[in-house]
Protein backbone atom coordinates (compact mmCIF):
# COMPACT_ATOMS: atom_id res chain seq x y z
CA UNK A 1 -95.14 14.64 72.69
CA UNK A 2 -94.51 10.97 73.04
CA UNK A 3 -90.68 9.74 73.28
CA UNK A 4 -91.35 7.93 70.09
CA UNK A 5 -92.61 11.02 68.24
CA UNK A 6 -89.73 13.01 69.54
CA UNK A 7 -87.14 10.41 68.62
CA UNK A 8 -88.83 10.35 65.20
CA UNK A 9 -88.60 14.51 64.67
CA UNK A 10 -84.81 13.92 65.61
CA UNK A 11 -84.01 11.74 62.94
CA UNK A 12 -86.23 13.98 60.31
CA UNK A 13 -84.17 17.01 61.55
CA UNK A 14 -80.71 15.20 61.03
CA UNK A 15 -81.89 14.03 57.88
CA UNK A 16 -83.09 17.13 56.74
CA UNK A 17 -79.85 18.66 58.01
CA UNK A 18 -77.85 16.23 55.81
CA UNK A 19 -79.99 17.06 52.88
CA UNK A 20 -79.10 20.78 52.89
CA UNK A 21 -75.20 19.84 53.28
CA UNK A 22 -75.40 17.26 50.60
CA UNK A 23 -77.59 18.90 48.05
CA UNK A 24 -77.10 22.77 48.75
CA UNK A 25 -74.95 25.34 47.07
CA UNK A 26 -71.66 26.11 48.58
CA UNK A 27 -68.42 28.14 48.08
CA UNK A 28 -65.01 26.47 48.52
CA UNK A 29 -61.90 28.51 48.45
CA UNK A 30 -60.34 29.01 45.03
CA UNK A 31 -57.64 30.76 43.06
CA UNK A 32 -56.78 31.16 39.35
CA UNK A 33 -53.35 32.37 37.74
CA UNK A 34 -53.28 33.54 34.16
CA UNK A 35 -50.28 32.89 31.73
CA UNK A 36 -49.68 34.58 28.33
CA UNK A 37 -47.18 34.63 25.89
CA UNK A 38 -46.00 36.57 23.02
CA UNK A 39 -44.98 34.87 19.76
CA UNK A 40 -42.51 36.90 17.21
CA UNK A 41 -40.97 35.70 14.10
CA UNK A 42 -37.50 36.86 13.57
CA UNK A 43 -36.29 38.88 10.50
CA UNK A 44 -34.10 37.71 7.73
CA UNK A 45 -32.76 40.83 6.07
CA UNK A 46 -29.51 41.03 3.83
CA UNK A 47 -28.30 44.35 2.76
CA UNK A 48 -25.44 45.25 0.43
CA UNK A 49 -23.19 48.26 1.51
CA UNK A 50 -20.26 49.88 0.08
CA UNK A 51 -16.89 49.86 2.15
CA UNK A 52 -17.67 52.93 3.74
CA UNK A 53 -20.96 51.62 5.04
CA UNK A 54 -23.25 53.70 2.80
CA UNK A 55 -25.97 52.22 0.75
CA UNK A 56 -25.14 50.76 -2.85
CA UNK A 57 -27.95 52.49 -4.85
CA UNK A 58 -29.08 50.40 -7.89
CA UNK A 59 -25.75 49.32 -9.51
CA UNK A 60 -22.91 47.01 -8.62
CA UNK A 61 -20.42 49.10 -10.08
CA UNK A 62 -20.14 52.98 -9.89
CA UNK A 63 -18.40 53.23 -12.81
CA UNK A 64 -20.37 53.43 -16.23
CA UNK A 65 -19.50 50.34 -18.09
CA UNK A 66 -19.35 51.46 -21.90
CA UNK A 67 -16.66 51.72 -24.58
CA UNK A 68 -14.98 48.30 -23.18
CA UNK A 69 -12.33 46.76 -25.44
CA UNK A 70 -11.53 43.15 -25.24
CA UNK A 71 -9.45 42.22 -22.12
CA UNK A 72 -10.73 44.93 -20.14
CA UNK A 73 -12.07 44.09 -16.64
CA UNK A 74 -13.67 45.95 -13.71
CA UNK A 75 -14.40 44.61 -10.44
CA UNK A 76 -15.72 46.15 -6.93
CA UNK A 77 -15.76 44.90 -3.41
CA UNK A 78 -18.56 45.53 -1.35
CA UNK A 79 -20.02 44.58 2.18
CA UNK A 80 -22.75 41.85 2.93
CA UNK A 81 -24.64 43.09 5.99
CA UNK A 82 -27.04 41.13 8.09
CA UNK A 83 -29.46 43.74 9.05
CA UNK A 84 -32.05 41.41 10.48
CA UNK A 85 -32.56 39.63 13.74
CA UNK A 86 -31.73 36.09 12.30
CA UNK A 87 -28.23 34.46 11.53
CA UNK A 88 -27.96 34.04 7.74
CA UNK A 89 -26.85 30.54 6.70
CA UNK A 90 -25.89 31.45 3.24
CA UNK A 91 -25.63 34.00 0.60
CA UNK A 92 -25.81 33.11 -3.08
CA UNK A 93 -25.62 35.14 -6.30
CA UNK A 94 -27.16 35.00 -9.58
CA UNK A 95 -26.86 37.41 -12.91
CA UNK A 96 -29.57 37.74 -15.39
CA UNK A 97 -30.06 39.95 -18.44
CA UNK A 98 -33.88 40.19 -19.34
CA UNK A 99 -35.18 40.34 -22.75
CA UNK A 100 -36.70 44.05 -21.48
CA UNK A 101 -34.82 46.59 -19.95
CA UNK A 102 -36.83 48.27 -17.06
CA UNK A 103 -37.99 51.16 -19.60
CA UNK A 104 -39.70 48.19 -21.45
CA UNK A 105 -37.10 48.66 -24.40
CA UNK A 106 -34.91 45.85 -25.79
CA UNK A 107 -32.17 44.85 -23.38
CA UNK A 108 -29.83 43.72 -25.79
CA UNK A 109 -28.74 45.72 -28.71
CA UNK A 110 -26.58 44.49 -31.16
CA UNK A 111 -23.92 46.43 -32.89
CA UNK A 112 -25.26 46.16 -36.21
CA UNK A 113 -28.71 47.36 -35.12
CA UNK A 114 -29.31 51.05 -36.67
CA UNK A 115 -31.12 51.69 -32.72
CA UNK A 116 -27.77 51.20 -31.15
CA UNK A 117 -26.09 54.78 -30.34
CA UNK A 118 -22.81 53.43 -31.79
CA UNK A 119 -24.11 52.46 -34.86
CA UNK A 120 -23.08 55.26 -37.08
CA UNK A 121 -19.46 55.01 -35.60
CA UNK A 122 -19.33 51.19 -36.55
CA UNK A 123 -17.28 50.62 -39.61
CA UNK A 124 -19.37 49.57 -42.55
CA UNK A 125 -17.69 46.17 -43.20
CA UNK A 126 -18.80 45.08 -39.70
CA UNK A 127 -22.41 45.92 -40.39
CA UNK A 128 -23.45 42.80 -42.49
CA UNK A 129 -25.53 39.91 -41.39
CA UNK A 130 -22.44 37.87 -40.54
CA UNK A 131 -21.96 40.25 -37.56
CA UNK A 132 -25.30 39.83 -35.81
CA UNK A 133 -25.31 38.33 -32.35
CA UNK A 134 -27.85 37.21 -29.80
CA UNK A 135 -27.80 38.34 -26.02
CA UNK A 136 -26.55 34.77 -25.09
CA UNK A 137 -23.65 35.07 -27.64
CA UNK A 138 -22.25 38.49 -26.15
CA UNK A 139 -22.81 37.11 -22.64
CA UNK A 140 -20.57 34.39 -23.68
CA UNK A 141 -17.73 36.81 -24.07
CA UNK A 142 -18.18 38.21 -20.42
CA UNK A 143 -16.53 36.17 -17.67
CA UNK A 144 -17.91 36.67 -14.22
CA UNK A 145 -15.57 36.06 -11.12
CA UNK A 146 -17.21 35.93 -7.46
CA UNK A 147 -14.74 36.37 -4.61
CA UNK A 148 -15.59 36.04 -0.81
CA UNK A 149 -13.96 36.53 2.42
CA UNK A 150 -13.53 38.42 5.59
CA UNK A 151 -12.97 42.18 5.11
CA UNK A 152 -10.80 43.98 4.14
CA UNK A 153 -9.82 40.87 1.88
CA UNK A 154 -12.54 39.38 -0.27
CA UNK A 155 -10.33 37.62 -2.50
CA UNK A 156 -11.11 33.84 -2.27
CA UNK A 157 -12.62 32.41 -5.32
CA UNK A 158 -16.26 31.40 -5.00
CA UNK A 159 -17.27 30.87 -8.56
CA UNK A 160 -15.97 31.67 -12.35
CA UNK A 161 -17.75 31.42 -15.53
CA UNK A 162 -19.49 33.04 -18.26
CA UNK A 163 -22.40 35.49 -17.70
CA UNK A 164 -24.52 33.40 -20.02
CA UNK A 165 -24.30 30.47 -17.76
CA UNK A 166 -24.91 32.37 -14.37
CA UNK A 167 -28.22 33.40 -15.50
CA UNK A 168 -29.47 29.69 -15.06
CA UNK A 169 -27.87 28.83 -11.91
CA UNK A 170 -26.67 30.28 -8.60
CA UNK A 171 -23.48 30.62 -7.35
CA UNK A 172 -21.87 28.46 -4.25
CA UNK A 173 -22.43 30.03 -0.75
CA UNK A 174 -20.37 33.39 -0.43
CA UNK A 175 -20.12 33.23 3.11
CA UNK A 176 -18.24 29.78 3.24
CA UNK A 177 -14.99 31.79 2.30
CA UNK A 178 -15.23 33.59 5.70
CA UNK A 179 -14.35 32.44 9.14
CA UNK A 180 -17.90 32.07 10.21
CA UNK A 181 -18.79 30.17 7.11
CA UNK A 182 -22.41 32.24 7.50
CA UNK A 183 -23.36 35.82 8.42
CA UNK A 184 -24.57 36.05 11.88
CA UNK A 185 -26.85 38.83 13.07
CA UNK A 186 -24.74 39.03 16.41
CA UNK A 187 -21.82 40.08 16.73
CA UNK A 188 -22.30 42.35 13.65
CA UNK A 189 -20.00 40.79 10.92
CA UNK A 190 -18.15 42.25 7.95
CA UNK A 191 -18.07 39.77 5.34
CA UNK A 192 -16.98 40.79 1.88
CA UNK A 193 -17.81 39.93 -1.80
CA UNK A 194 -15.91 40.98 -4.79
CA UNK A 195 -17.46 40.89 -8.19
CA UNK A 196 -15.16 41.01 -11.48
CA UNK A 197 -16.29 41.36 -15.04
CA UNK A 198 -13.96 40.69 -17.91
CA UNK A 199 -14.64 41.16 -21.45
CA UNK A 200 -12.91 38.02 -23.40
CA UNK A 201 -9.61 39.36 -24.75
CA UNK A 202 -10.35 36.90 -27.88
CA UNK A 203 -13.40 38.60 -28.86
CA UNK A 204 -13.25 39.86 -32.21
CA UNK A 205 -14.92 42.30 -34.47
CA UNK A 206 -18.21 40.65 -34.43
CA UNK A 207 -18.85 41.94 -31.19
CA UNK A 208 -18.02 45.84 -31.71
CA UNK A 209 -20.64 47.85 -30.38
CA UNK A 210 -22.65 45.07 -28.68
CA UNK A 211 -24.58 46.24 -25.37
CA UNK A 212 -26.45 45.00 -22.70
CA UNK A 213 -28.39 47.81 -21.07
CA UNK A 214 -29.28 45.92 -17.68
CA UNK A 215 -27.43 42.99 -15.83
CA UNK A 216 -29.34 42.14 -12.94
CA UNK A 217 -27.41 40.76 -9.86
CA UNK A 218 -29.44 39.17 -7.33
CA UNK A 219 -28.03 38.02 -3.97
CA UNK A 220 -30.48 35.57 -2.17
CA UNK A 221 -29.95 34.71 1.45
CA UNK A 222 -31.30 31.92 3.55
CA UNK A 223 -31.95 30.87 7.04
CA UNK A 224 -30.85 27.90 9.13
CA UNK A 225 -32.94 24.98 9.81
CA UNK A 226 -35.49 25.23 12.49
CA UNK A 227 -34.19 23.66 15.79
CA UNK A 228 -35.97 22.25 18.89
CA UNK A 229 -35.52 24.49 22.12
CA UNK A 230 -36.20 23.65 25.48
CA UNK A 231 -38.07 26.14 27.79
CA UNK A 232 -35.52 28.49 29.33
CA UNK A 233 -33.41 28.40 26.44
CA UNK A 234 -32.20 31.84 25.09
CA UNK A 235 -33.93 31.54 21.92
CA UNK A 236 -33.13 34.94 20.52
CA UNK A 237 -29.43 35.00 21.13
CA UNK A 238 -29.29 31.30 19.99
CA UNK A 239 -31.05 32.31 16.62
CA UNK A 240 -29.16 35.75 16.18
CA UNK A 241 -25.53 34.33 16.81
CA UNK A 242 -25.81 30.99 14.87
CA UNK A 243 -22.76 29.91 12.63
CA UNK A 244 -22.72 26.07 12.83
CA UNK A 245 -23.93 24.35 9.75
């Protein structure tokens, strides 16, 4: 082989070797790391408890509100309990009396209505058309007072007005009358509410025997506005303990 041919083969070999490095398949050192996150919404859960911590059942008052006379009043104090994981910003109350009771029968029964259980005990002179009332007219004779505060004293007035008005609006925030002015989930807080009903002492014979079979008291709780958190923040604790408005 001549020197010229040998040099040519060397170049070719070198060129081929470079071709293998530049265009072939190779493996480099690699490493992967996987990350994952859970994403769970908190819970907003307001519960009503009696002062002993037991359930309230379906009625605000344990007494049967019947055979009331003008000037009578009845009140009950119970607990607002945050049973969720998120702090509650405010709690408001509305009271309504639907046209139909839960058994689908008329909710309001006028004293002059023969379907009223006390109709036969009503003096005949009060059974005329002049003594007929509507549900709203009867509700106008019932004053509702709502109080709030830290237990054992829930005696700071939140709202006062006629039952007929409370069916169209919500009271101001009941928790505003407490030290925290809210209802955090942590630490567990004992916030109280007192509801008082008073039968107008000026109500005349026109309202004898009138009855509302069902008044619905609805307590509504709302959350704090969402906030911007930074990575590393204790979100769980912050949202559970929040009291600033």
